[in-house]
Amino acid sequence: KSALTRLSNQNLAEVDPEPWVEFLLHSHPALSKRIRRAENFSKEAS
């Protein structure tokens, strides 16, 4: 999670792009979705 947060803070990737931009142009989920999944994973692992 911290690596994804650092990446978004450095403005190297858009955190929450428009859904159509994410669908058409991105090969991975948006950073906001990946950060949320990492948070959920860490809660479940605890």
Protein backbone atom coordinates (compact mmCIF):
# COMPACT_ATOMS: atom_id res chain seq x y z
CA LYS A 1 0.00 0.00 0.00
CA SER A 2 2.74 2.49 0.89
CA ALA A 3 4.41 2.10 -2.50
CA LEU A 4 1.13 2.86 -4.25
CA THR A 5 0.56 5.88 -2.05
CA ARG A 6 4.07 7.20 -2.74
CA LEU A 7 3.50 6.73 -6.47
CA SER A 8 0.28 8.74 -6.35
CA ASN A 9 1.92 11.46 -4.24
CA GLN A 10 4.69 11.84 -6.81
CA ASN A 11 2.02 12.39 -9.49
CA LEU A 12 3.41 9.62 -11.65
CA ALA A 13 -0.05 8.15 -12.07
CA GLU A 14 -3.58 9.46 -11.88
CA VAL A 15 -5.22 8.21 -8.69
CA ASP A 16 -8.83 8.15 -9.85
CA PRO A 17 -9.24 8.45 -13.63
CA GLU A 18 -12.59 8.59 -15.37
CA PRO A 19 -14.04 5.07 -15.81
CA TRP A 20 -13.85 5.24 -19.61
CA VAL A 21 -10.19 6.34 -19.47
CA GLU A 22 -9.36 3.46 -17.15
CA PHE A 23 -11.19 0.99 -19.39
CA LEU A 24 -9.72 2.16 -22.68
CA LEU A 25 -6.21 3.26 -21.76
CA HIS A 26 -5.09 1.48 -18.61
CA SER A 27 -3.82 -2.07 -18.30
CA HIS A 28 -4.29 -2.13 -14.50
CA PRO A 29 -6.99 -0.89 -12.10
CA ALA A 30 -6.82 2.72 -10.96
CA LEU A 31 -4.52 3.51 -8.03
CA SER A 32 -7.50 4.33 -5.83
CA LYS A 33 -8.90 0.83 -6.41
CA ARG A 34 -5.53 -0.84 -5.80
CA ILE A 35 -4.99 1.14 -2.57
CA ARG A 36 -8.50 0.24 -1.37
CA ARG A 37 -7.86 -3.46 -2.13
CA ALA A 38 -4.55 -3.35 -0.25
CA GLU A 39 -6.28 -1.81 2.77
CA ASN A 40 -9.02 -4.45 2.68
CA PHE A 41 -6.43 -7.21 2.33
CA SER A 42 -4.45 -5.98 5.33
CA LYS A 43 -7.64 -5.78 7.44
CA GLU A 44 -8.61 -9.34 6.49
CA ALA A 45 -5.10 -10.64 7.17
CA SER A 46 -5.10 -9.18 10.70
